[in-house]
Amino acid sequence: MKIENNKFQVNQIECTIPTGSILGALLYLIYVNDIAKSSNENILSFADDIYLYLSDSNIENLFSNANIQFNKLYEWFCVNLLSVTPNKTKLTILKSPK
């Protein structure tokens, strides 16, 4: 590669961050810092867990909105070259006793 009459050799760097390291946690937080912008609903994260909170008095509307938000999150994950682990992904529905 050449920039302003200077020649540079381009090499691919392949490395990993050790699991459980402080640097790994920091890089993860920096990497996913903008995930809340992918949805117009409440998104909370703790460590490497991400929670999407939705509410509606109508269950059909709730499911419809959930699918819309899941698709937005899916697009964010694709753009950021991340994937979701299906067997660690849960949907919980909480209902008032009334």
PDB file of N, CA and C in Angstrom:
ATOM      1  N   MET A   1       0.855  -1.155   0.000  1.00  0.00           N
ATOM      2  CA  MET A   1       0.000   0.000   0.000  1.00  0.00           C
ATOM      3  C   MET A   1       0.909   1.227   0.000  1.00  0.00           C
ATOM      4  N   LYS A   2       0.441   2.274  -0.681  1.00  0.00           N
ATOM      5  CA  LYS A   2       1.235   3.487  -0.793  1.00  0.00           C
ATOM      6  C   LYS A   2       0.395   4.698  -0.404  1.00  0.00           C
ATOM      7  N   ILE A   3       0.911   5.499   0.530  1.00  0.00           N
ATOM      8  CA  ILE A   3       0.244   6.730   0.962  1.00  0.00           C
ATOM      9  C   ILE A   3       1.265   7.852   0.903  1.00  0.00           C
ATOM     10  N   GLU A   4       0.985   8.843   0.069  1.00  0.00           N
ATOM     11  CA  GLU A   4       1.862  10.005  -0.087  1.00  0.00           C
ATOM     12  C   GLU A   4       3.330   9.597  -0.245  1.00  0.00           C
ATOM     13  N   ASN A   5       3.615   8.799  -1.247  1.00  0.00           N
ATOM     14  CA  ASN A   5       4.971   8.345  -1.581  1.00  0.00           C
ATOM     15  C   ASN A   5       5.637   7.487  -0.505  1.00  0.00           C
ATOM     16  N   ASN A   6       4.903   7.034   0.467  1.00  0.00           N
ATOM     17  CA  ASN A   6       5.431   6.112   1.476  1.00  0.00           C
ATOM     18  C   ASN A   6       4.814   4.741   1.246  1.00  0.00           C
ATOM     19  N   LYS A   7       5.643   3.731   1.217  1.00  0.00           N
ATOM     20  CA  LYS A   7       5.162   2.371   1.003  1.00  0.00           C
ATOM     21  C   LYS A   7       5.003   1.660   2.345  1.00  0.00           C
ATOM     22  N   PHE A   8       3.874   0.962   2.479  1.00  0.00           N
ATOM     23  CA  PHE A   8       3.576   0.207   3.681  1.00  0.00           C
ATOM     24  C   PHE A   8       3.204  -1.211   3.297  1.00  0.00           C
ATOM     25  N   GLN A   9       3.612  -2.137   4.118  1.00  0.00           N
ATOM     26  CA  GLN A   9       3.212  -3.521   3.916  1.00  0.00           C
ATOM     27  C   GLN A   9       1.960  -3.767   4.754  1.00  0.00           C
ATOM     28  N   VAL A  10       0.948  -4.351   4.152  1.00  0.00           N
ATOM     29  CA  VAL A  10      -0.301  -4.627   4.846  1.00  0.00           C
ATOM     30  C   VAL A  10      -0.296  -6.079   5.294  1.00  0.00           C
ATOM     31  N   ASN A  11      -0.495  -6.280   6.580  1.00  0.00           N
ATOM     32  CA  ASN A  11      -0.564  -7.630   7.145  1.00  0.00           C
ATOM     33  C   ASN A  11      -1.848  -7.760   7.942  1.00  0.00           C
ATOM     34  N   GLN A  12      -2.406  -8.946   7.906  1.00  0.00           N
ATOM     35  CA  GLN A  12      -3.597  -9.205   8.700  1.00  0.00           C
ATOM     36  C   GLN A  12      -3.151  -9.638  10.095  1.00  0.00           C
ATOM     37  N   ILE A  13      -3.731  -9.023  11.110  1.00  0.00           N
ATOM     38  CA  ILE A  13      -3.407  -9.362  12.481  1.00  0.00           C
ATOM     39  C   ILE A  13      -4.510 -10.265  13.015  1.00  0.00           C
ATOM     40  N   GLU A  14      -4.128 -11.408  13.503  1.00  0.00           N
ATOM     41  CA  GLU A  14      -5.091 -12.338  14.076  1.00  0.00           C
ATOM     42  C   GLU A  14      -4.744 -12.540  15.540  1.00  0.00           C
ATOM     43  N   CYS A  15      -5.637 -12.144  16.393  1.00  0.00           N
ATOM     44  CA  CYS A  15      -5.394 -12.310  17.822  1.00  0.00           C
ATOM     45  C   CYS A  15      -6.722 -12.418  18.550  1.00  0.00           C
ATOM     46  N   THR A  16      -6.663 -12.830  19.780  1.00  0.00           N
ATOM     47  CA  THR A  16      -7.861 -12.922  20.611  1.00  0.00           C
ATOM     48  C   THR A  16      -7.583 -12.288  21.964  1.00  0.00           C
ATOM     49  N   ILE A  17      -8.643 -12.019  22.651  1.00  0.00           N
ATOM     50  CA  ILE A  17      -8.552 -11.498  24.014  1.00  0.00           C
ATOM     51  C   ILE A  17      -8.922 -12.653  24.946  1.00  0.00           C
ATOM     52  N   PRO A  18      -8.124 -12.922  25.969  1.00  0.00           N
ATOM     53  CA  PRO A  18      -8.449 -14.035  26.877  1.00  0.00           C
ATOM     54  C   PRO A  18      -9.818 -13.858  27.533  1.00  0.00           C
ATOM     55  N   THR A  19     -10.568 -14.946  27.619  1.00  0.00           N
ATOM     56  CA  THR A  19     -11.871 -14.926  28.274  1.00  0.00           C
ATOM     57  C   THR A  19     -11.705 -14.535  29.728  1.00  0.00           C
ATOM     58  N   GLY A  20     -12.574 -13.640  30.184  1.00  0.00           N
ATOM     59  CA  GLY A  20     -12.538 -13.218  31.572  1.00  0.00           C
ATOM     60  C   GLY A  20     -11.584 -12.078  31.858  1.00  0.00           C
ATOM     61  N   SER A  21     -10.894 -11.590  30.841  1.00  0.00           N
ATOM     62  CA  SER A  21      -9.949 -10.500  31.077  1.00  0.00           C
ATOM     63  C   SER A  21     -10.671  -9.167  31.178  1.00  0.00           C
ATOM     64  N   ILE A  22     -10.059  -8.216  31.859  1.00  0.00           N
ATOM     65  CA  ILE A  22     -10.624  -6.875  31.975  1.00  0.00           C
ATOM     66  C   ILE A  22     -10.693  -6.217  30.599  1.00  0.00           C
ATOM     67  N   LEU A  23      -9.676  -6.413  29.789  1.00  0.00           N
ATOM     68  CA  LEU A  23      -9.651  -5.832  28.452  1.00  0.00           C
ATOM     69  C   LEU A  23     -10.799  -6.375  27.611  1.00  0.00           C
ATOM     70  N   GLY A  24     -11.069  -7.670  27.723  1.00  0.00           N
ATOM     71  CA  GLY A  24     -12.171  -8.266  26.965  1.00  0.00           C
ATOM     72  C   GLY A  24     -13.503  -7.647  27.321  1.00  0.00           C
ATOM     73  N   ALA A  25     -13.744  -7.450  28.604  1.00  0.00           N
ATOM     74  CA  ALA A  25     -15.000  -6.838  29.051  1.00  0.00           C
ATOM     75  C   ALA A  25     -15.106  -5.400  28.556  1.00  0.00           C
ATOM     76  N   LEU A  26     -14.018  -4.662  28.631  1.00  0.00           N
ATOM     77  CA  LEU A  26     -14.018  -3.268  28.171  1.00  0.00           C
ATOM     78  C   LEU A  26     -14.281  -3.189  26.670  1.00  0.00           C
ATOM     79  N   LEU A  27     -13.600  -4.005  25.895  1.00  0.00           N
ATOM     80  CA  LEU A  27     -13.805  -3.996  24.444  1.00  0.00           C
ATOM     81  C   LEU A  27     -15.232  -4.390  24.080  1.00  0.00           C
ATOM     82  N   TYR A  28     -15.788  -5.368  24.804  1.00  0.00           N
ATOM     83  CA  TYR A  28     -17.171  -5.777  24.561  1.00  0.00           C
ATOM     84  C   TYR A  28     -18.119  -4.607  24.799  1.00  0.00           C
ATOM     85  N   LEU A  29     -17.939  -3.912  25.925  1.00  0.00           N
ATOM     86  CA  LEU A  29     -18.818  -2.784  26.241  1.00  0.00           C
ATOM     87  C   LEU A  29     -18.714  -1.673  25.208  1.00  0.00           C
ATOM     88  N   ILE A  30     -17.519  -1.410  24.751  1.00  0.00           N
ATOM     89  CA  ILE A  30     -17.332  -0.394  23.710  1.00  0.00           C
ATOM     90  C   ILE A  30     -18.012  -0.846  22.416  1.00  0.00           C
ATOM     91  N   TYR A  31     -17.888  -2.134  22.096  1.00  0.00           N
ATOM     92  CA  TYR A  31     -18.424  -2.683  20.856  1.00  0.00           C
ATOM     93  C   TYR A  31     -19.948  -2.629  20.814  1.00  0.00           C
ATOM     94  N   VAL A  32     -20.606  -2.925  21.939  1.00  0.00           N
ATOM     95  CA  VAL A  32     -22.076  -2.981  21.944  1.00  0.00           C
ATOM     96  C   VAL A  32     -22.712  -1.731  22.539  1.00  0.00           C
ATOM     97  N   ASN A  33     -21.932  -0.697  22.739  1.00  0.00           N
ATOM     98  CA  ASN A  33     -22.413   0.521  23.379  1.00  0.00           C
ATOM     99  C   ASN A  33     -23.631   1.129  22.676  1.00  0.00           C
ATOM    100  N   ASP A  34     -23.748   0.989  21.384  1.00  0.00           N
ATOM    101  CA  ASP A  34     -24.843   1.631  20.654  1.00  0.00           C
ATOM    102  C   ASP A  34     -26.026   0.708  20.377  1.00  0.00           C
ATOM    103  N   ILE A  35     -26.087  -0.459  21.002  1.00  0.00           N
ATOM    104  CA  ILE A  35     -27.185  -1.392  20.723  1.00  0.00           C
ATOM    105  C   ILE A  35     -28.544  -0.787  21.082  1.00  0.00           C
ATOM    106  N   ALA A  36     -28.588   0.058  22.100  1.00  0.00           N
ATOM    107  CA  ALA A  36     -29.866   0.668  22.499  1.00  0.00           C
ATOM    108  C   ALA A  36     -30.444   1.533  21.384  1.00  0.00           C
ATOM    109  N   LYS A  37     -29.606   2.026  20.492  1.00  0.00           N
ATOM    110  CA  LYS A  37     -30.083   2.852  19.377  1.00  0.00           C
ATOM    111  C   LYS A  37     -30.765   2.015  18.299  1.00  0.00           C
ATOM    112  N   SER A  38     -30.614   0.687  18.362  1.00  0.00           N
ATOM    113  CA  SER A  38     -31.197  -0.177  17.335  1.00  0.00           C
ATOM    114  C   SER A  38     -32.693  -0.375  17.517  1.00  0.00           C
ATOM    115  N   SER A  39     -33.209  -0.016  18.681  1.00  0.00           N
ATOM    116  CA  SER A  39     -34.620  -0.243  18.981  1.00  0.00           C
ATOM    117  C   SER A  39     -35.198   0.996  19.641  1.00  0.00           C
ATOM    118  N   ASN A  40     -36.496   1.192  19.454  1.00  0.00           N
ATOM    119  CA  ASN A  40     -37.140   2.306  20.135  1.00  0.00           C
ATOM    120  C   ASN A  40     -37.788   1.841  21.440  1.00  0.00           C
ATOM    121  N   GLU A  41     -37.421   0.659  21.907  1.00  0.00           N
ATOM    122  CA  GLU A  41     -37.914   0.108  23.165  1.00  0.00           C
ATOM    123  C   GLU A  41     -36.781   0.069  24.188  1.00  0.00           C
ATOM    124  N   ASN A  42     -37.096  -0.370  25.386  1.00  0.00           N
ATOM    125  CA  ASN A  42     -36.106  -0.424  26.456  1.00  0.00           C
ATOM    126  C   ASN A  42     -35.146  -1.591  26.264  1.00  0.00           C
ATOM    127  N   ILE A  43     -33.882  -1.283  26.171  1.00  0.00           N
ATOM    128  CA  ILE A  43     -32.839  -2.301  26.097  1.00  0.00           C
ATOM    129  C   ILE A  43     -31.878  -2.055  27.250  1.00  0.00           C
ATOM    130  N   LEU A  44     -31.668  -3.077  28.038  1.00  0.00           N
ATOM    131  CA  LEU A  44     -30.712  -3.016  29.132  1.00  0.00           C
ATOM    132  C   LEU A  44     -29.671  -4.096  28.917  1.00  0.00           C
ATOM    133  N   SER A  45     -28.471  -3.840  29.377  1.00  0.00           N
ATOM    134  CA  SER A  45     -27.445  -4.870  29.279  1.00  0.00           C
ATOM    135  C   SER A  45     -26.690  -4.965  30.592  1.00  0.00           C
ATOM    136  N   PHE A  46     -26.272  -6.154  30.897  1.00  0.00           N
ATOM    137  CA  PHE A  46     -25.462  -6.431  32.070  1.00  0.00           C
ATOM    138  C   PHE A  46     -24.437  -7.471  31.662  1.00  0.00           C
ATOM    139  N   ALA A  47     -23.164  -7.105  31.819  1.00  0.00           N
ATOM    140  CA  ALA A  47     -22.066  -7.966  31.358  1.00  0.00           C
ATOM    141  C   ALA A  47     -22.303  -8.265  29.884  1.00  0.00           C
ATOM    142  N   ASP A  48     -22.455  -9.543  29.509  1.00  0.00           N
ATOM    143  CA  ASP A  48     -22.694  -9.854  28.096  1.00  0.00           C
ATOM    144  C   ASP A  48     -24.137 -10.293  27.844  1.00  0.00           C
ATOM    145  N   ASP A  49     -25.043  -9.931  28.752  1.00  0.00           N
ATOM    146  CA  ASP A  49     -26.464 -10.219  28.579  1.00  0.00           C
ATOM    147  C   ASP A  49     -27.180  -8.950  28.131  1.00  0.00           C
ATOM    148  N   ILE A  50     -28.117  -9.133  27.211  1.00  0.00           N
ATOM    149  CA  ILE A  50     -28.897  -8.012  26.695  1.00  0.00           C
ATOM    150  C   ILE A  50     -30.373  -8.329  26.911  1.00  0.00           C
ATOM    151  N   TYR A  51     -31.096  -7.371  27.487  1.00  0.00           N
ATOM    152  CA  TYR A  51     -32.504  -7.549  27.790  1.00  0.00           C
ATOM    153  C   TYR A  51     -33.328  -6.528  27.025  1.00  0.00           C
ATOM    154  N   LEU A  52     -34.393  -7.001  26.385  1.00  0.00           N
ATOM    155  CA  LEU A  52     -35.342  -6.137  25.687  1.00  0.00           C
ATOM    156  C   LEU A  52     -36.655  -6.216  26.461  1.00  0.00           C
ATOM    157  N   TYR A  53     -37.126  -5.072  26.962  1.00  0.00           N
ATOM    158  CA  TYR A  53     -38.358  -5.022  27.737  1.00  0.00           C
ATOM    159  C   TYR A  53     -39.461  -4.386  26.912  1.00  0.00           C
ATOM    160  N   LEU A  54     -40.581  -5.093  26.786  1.00  0.00           N
ATOM    161  CA  LEU A  54     -41.747  -4.590  26.068  1.00  0.00           C
ATOM    162  C   LEU A  54     -42.972  -4.751  26.950  1.00  0.00           C
ATOM    163  N   SER A  55     -43.938  -3.888  26.761  1.00  0.00           N
ATOM    164  CA  SER A  55     -45.202  -4.066  27.483  1.00  0.00           C
ATOM    165  C   SER A  55     -46.357  -3.600  26.609  1.00  0.00           C
ATOM    166  N   ASP A  56     -47.486  -4.272  26.795  1.00  0.00           N
ATOM    167  CA  ASP A  56     -48.713  -3.910  26.087  1.00  0.00           C
ATOM    168  C   ASP A  56     -49.856  -4.649  26.758  1.00  0.00           C
ATOM    169  N   SER A  57     -51.016  -4.039  26.826  1.00  0.00           N
ATOM    170  CA  SER A  57     -52.174  -4.701  27.436  1.00  0.00           C
ATOM    171  C   SER A  57     -52.803  -5.722  26.486  1.00  0.00           C
ATOM    172  N   ASN A  58     -52.447  -5.657  25.206  1.00  0.00           N
ATOM    173  CA  ASN A  58     -52.981  -6.582  24.202  1.00  0.00           C
ATOM    174  C   ASN A  58     -51.873  -7.539  23.767  1.00  0.00           C
ATOM    175  N   ILE A  59     -52.091  -8.839  23.953  1.00  0.00           N
ATOM    176  CA  ILE A  59     -51.044  -9.835  23.676  1.00  0.00           C
ATOM    177  C   ILE A  59     -50.668  -9.872  22.193  1.00  0.00           C
ATOM    178  N   GLU A  60     -51.636  -9.664  21.286  1.00  0.00           N
ATOM    179  CA  GLU A  60     -51.329  -9.660  19.855  1.00  0.00           C
ATOM    180  C   GLU A  60     -50.424  -8.484  19.505  1.00  0.00           C
ATOM    181  N   ASN A  61     -50.716  -7.316  20.077  1.00  0.00           N
ATOM    182  CA  ASN A  61     -49.863  -6.149  19.847  1.00  0.00           C
ATOM    183  C   ASN A  61     -48.469  -6.371  20.420  1.00  0.00           C
ATOM    184  N   LEU A  62     -48.415  -7.016  21.573  1.00  0.00           N
ATOM    185  CA  LEU A  62     -47.133  -7.307  22.207  1.00  0.00           C
ATOM    186  C   LEU A  62     -46.274  -8.194  21.312  1.00  0.00           C
ATOM    187  N   PHE A  63     -46.860  -9.272  20.793  1.00  0.00           N
ATOM    188  CA  PHE A  63     -46.111 -10.176  19.911  1.00  0.00           C
ATOM    189  C   PHE A  63     -45.701  -9.476  18.620  1.00  0.00           C
ATOM    190  N   SER A  64     -46.590  -8.666  18.076  1.00  0.00           N
ATOM    191  CA  SER A  64     -46.266  -7.936  16.855  1.00  0.00           C
ATOM    192  C   SER A  64     -45.088  -6.997  17.081  1.00  0.00           C
ATOM    193  N   ASN A  65     -45.142  -6.227  18.160  1.00  0.00           N
ATOM    194  CA  ASN A  65     -44.052  -5.302  18.475  1.00  0.00           C
ATOM    195  C   ASN A  65     -42.767  -6.071  18.785  1.00  0.00           C
ATOM    196  N   ALA A  66     -42.886  -7.189  19.485  1.00  0.00           N
ATOM    197  CA  ALA A  66     -41.702  -7.999  19.801  1.00  0.00           C
ATOM    198  C   ALA A  66     -41.012  -8.456  18.517  1.00  0.00           C
ATOM    199  N   ASN A  67     -41.788  -8.915  17.540  1.00  0.00           N
ATOM    200  CA  ASN A  67     -41.188  -9.342  16.271  1.00  0.00           C
ATOM    201  C   ASN A  67     -40.500  -8.192  15.557  1.00  0.00           C
ATOM    202  N   ILE A  68     -41.097  -7.020  15.584  1.00  0.00           N
ATOM    203  CA  ILE A  68     -40.478  -5.840  14.965  1.00  0.00           C
ATOM    204  C   ILE A  68     -39.155  -5.528  15.648  1.00  0.00           C
ATOM    205  N   GLN A  69     -39.159  -5.519  16.990  1.00  0.00           N
ATOM    206  CA  GLN A  69     -37.940  -5.203  17.738  1.00  0.00           C
ATOM    207  C   GLN A  69     -36.882  -6.281  17.566  1.00  0.00           C
ATOM    208  N   PHE A  70     -37.291  -7.556  17.518  1.00  0.00           N
ATOM    209  CA  PHE A  70     -36.324  -8.639  17.293  1.00  0.00           C
ATOM    210  C   PHE A  70     -35.662  -8.486  15.927  1.00  0.00           C
ATOM    211  N   ASN A  71     -36.437  -8.096  14.929  1.00  0.00           N
ATOM    212  CA  ASN A  71     -35.860  -7.887  13.596  1.00  0.00           C
ATOM    213  C   ASN A  71     -34.871  -6.724  13.596  1.00  0.00           C
ATOM    214  N   LYS A  72     -35.196  -5.657  14.324  1.00  0.00           N
ATOM    215  CA  LYS A  72     -34.258  -4.529  14.421  1.00  0.00           C
ATOM    216  C   LYS A  72     -32.964  -4.961  15.109  1.00  0.00           C
ATOM    217  N   LEU A  73     -33.093  -5.736  16.183  1.00  0.00           N
ATOM    218  CA  LEU A  73     -31.904  -6.240  16.866  1.00  0.00           C
ATOM    219  C   LEU A  73     -31.101  -7.174  15.960  1.00  0.00           C
ATOM    220  N   TYR A  74     -31.806  -8.020  15.209  1.00  0.00           N
ATOM    221  CA  TYR A  74     -31.132  -8.928  14.280  1.00  0.00           C
ATOM    222  C   TYR A  74     -30.313  -8.138  13.256  1.00  0.00           C
ATOM    223  N   GLU A  75     -30.893  -7.074  12.726  1.00  0.00           N
ATOM    224  CA  GLU A  75     -30.172  -6.228  11.765  1.00  0.00           C
ATOM    225  C   GLU A  75     -28.936  -5.610  12.415  1.00  0.00           C
ATOM    226  N   TRP A  76     -29.070  -5.148  13.671  1.00  0.00           N
ATOM    227  CA  TRP A  76     -27.930  -4.564  14.378  1.00  0.00           C
ATOM    228  C   TRP A  76     -26.831  -5.607  14.555  1.00  0.00           C
ATOM    229  N   PHE A  77     -27.220  -6.827  14.944  1.00  0.00           N
ATOM    230  CA  PHE A  77     -26.234  -7.890  15.118  1.00  0.00           C
ATOM    231  C   PHE A  77     -25.528  -8.196  13.795  1.00  0.00           C
ATOM    232  N   CYS A  78     -26.269  -8.241  12.699  1.00  0.00           N
ATOM    233  CA  CYS A  78     -25.667  -8.516  11.389  1.00  0.00           C
ATOM    234  C   CYS A  78     -24.684  -7.420  10.991  1.00  0.00           C
ATOM    235  N   VAL A  79     -25.082  -6.166  11.138  1.00  0.00           N
ATOM    236  CA  VAL A  79     -24.214  -5.039  10.789  1.00  0.00           C
ATOM    237  C   VAL A  79     -22.927  -5.074  11.606  1.00  0.00           C
ATOM    238  N   ASN A  80     -23.030  -5.493  12.867  1.00  0.00           N
ATOM    239  CA  ASN A  80     -21.879  -5.519  13.762  1.00  0.00           C
ATOM    240  C   ASN A  80     -21.161  -6.867  13.789  1.00  0.00           C
ATOM    241  N   LEU A  81     -21.526  -7.735  12.835  1.00  0.00           N
ATOM    242  CA  LEU A  81     -20.891  -9.046  12.686  1.00  0.00           C
ATOM    243  C   LEU A  81     -20.937  -9.870  13.969  1.00  0.00           C
ATOM    244  N   LEU A  82     -22.069  -9.817  14.645  1.00  0.00           N
ATOM    245  CA  LEU A  82     -22.278 -10.601  15.866  1.00  0.00           C
ATOM    246  C   LEU A  82     -23.395 -11.603  15.628  1.00  0.00           C
ATOM    247  N   SER A  83     -23.469 -12.591  16.476  1.00  0.00           N
ATOM    248  CA  SER A  83     -24.543 -13.573  16.353  1.00  0.00           C
ATOM    249  C   SER A  83     -25.175 -13.805  17.712  1.00  0.00           C
ATOM    250  N   VAL A  84     -26.364 -14.355  17.686  1.00  0.00           N
ATOM    251  CA  VAL A  84     -27.104 -14.672  18.902  1.00  0.00           C
ATOM    252  C   VAL A  84     -27.014 -16.179  19.093  1.00  0.00           C
ATOM    253  N   THR A  85     -26.815 -16.601  20.329  1.00  0.00           N
ATOM    254  CA  THR A  85     -26.793 -18.030  20.637  1.00  0.00           C
ATOM    255  C   THR A  85     -28.233 -18.464  20.924  1.00  0.00           C
ATOM    256  N   PRO A  86     -28.854 -19.203  19.999  1.00  0.00           N
ATOM    257  CA  PRO A  86     -30.274 -19.546  20.159  1.00  0.00           C
ATOM    258  C   PRO A  86     -30.604 -20.270  21.463  1.00  0.00           C
ATOM    259  N   ASN A  87     -29.742 -21.179  21.900  1.00  0.00           N
ATOM    260  CA  ASN A  87     -30.081 -21.930  23.113  1.00  0.00           C
ATOM    261  C   ASN A  87     -29.889 -21.102  24.390  1.00  0.00           C
ATOM    262  N   LYS A  88     -29.361 -19.882  24.260  1.00  0.00           N
ATOM    263  CA  LYS A  88     -29.246 -18.982  25.408  1.00  0.00           C
ATOM    264  C   LYS A  88     -30.229 -17.816  25.302  1.00  0.00           C
ATOM    265  N   THR A  89     -31.070 -17.842  24.286  1.00  0.00           N
ATOM    266  CA  THR A  89     -32.030 -16.761  24.051  1.00  0.00           C
ATOM    267  C   THR A  89     -33.384 -17.173  24.619  1.00  0.00           C
ATOM    268  N   LYS A  90     -33.957 -16.313  25.429  1.00  0.00           N
ATOM    269  CA  LYS A  90     -35.218 -16.633  26.103  1.00  0.00           C
ATOM    270  C   LYS A  90     -36.246 -15.528  25.884  1.00  0.00           C
ATOM    271  N   LEU A  91     -37.496 -15.915  25.866  1.00  0.00           N
ATOM    272  CA  LEU A  91     -38.622 -14.990  25.837  1.00  0.00           C
ATOM    273  C   LEU A  91     -39.453 -15.288  27.074  1.00  0.00           C
ATOM    274  N   THR A  92     -39.694 -14.279  27.886  1.00  0.00           N
ATOM    275  CA  THR A  92     -40.487 -14.445  29.097  1.00  0.00           C
ATOM    276  C   THR A  92     -41.657 -13.478  29.047  1.00  0.00           C
ATOM    277  N   ILE A  93     -42.836 -13.999  29.291  1.00  0.00           N
ATOM    278  CA  ILE A  93     -44.033 -13.160  29.318  1.00  0.00           C
ATOM    279  C   ILE A  93     -44.519 -13.098  30.754  1.00  0.00           C
ATOM    280  N   LEU A  94     -44.601 -11.892  31.273  1.00  0.00           N
ATOM    281  CA  LEU A  94     -45.100 -11.665  32.628  1.00  0.00           C
ATOM    282  C   LEU A  94     -46.478 -11.043  32.529  1.00  0.00           C
ATOM    283  N   LYS A  95     -47.403 -11.552  33.328  1.00  0.00           N
ATOM    284  CA  LYS A  95     -48.784 -11.068  33.264  1.00  0.00           C
ATOM    285  C   LYS A  95     -49.250 -10.666  34.662  1.00  0.00           C
ATOM    286  N   SER A  96     -49.940  -9.571  34.696  1.00  0.00           N
ATOM    287  CA  SER A  96     -50.528  -9.117  35.952  1.00  0.00           C
ATOM    288  C   SER A  96     -51.614 -10.088  36.363  1.00  0.00           C
ATOM    289  N   PRO A  97     -51.784 -10.326  37.658  1.00  0.00           N
ATOM    290  CA  PRO A  97     -52.858 -11.236  38.079  1.00  0.00           C
ATOM    291  C   PRO A  97     -54.261 -10.682  37.832  1.00  0.00           C
ATOM    292  N   LYS A  98     -54.371  -9.405  37.512  1.00  0.00           N
ATOM    293  CA  LYS A  98     -55.697  -8.798  37.283  1.00  0.00           C
ATOM    294  C   LYS A  98     -56.243  -9.117  35.936  1.00  0.00           C
TER     295      LYS A  98
END
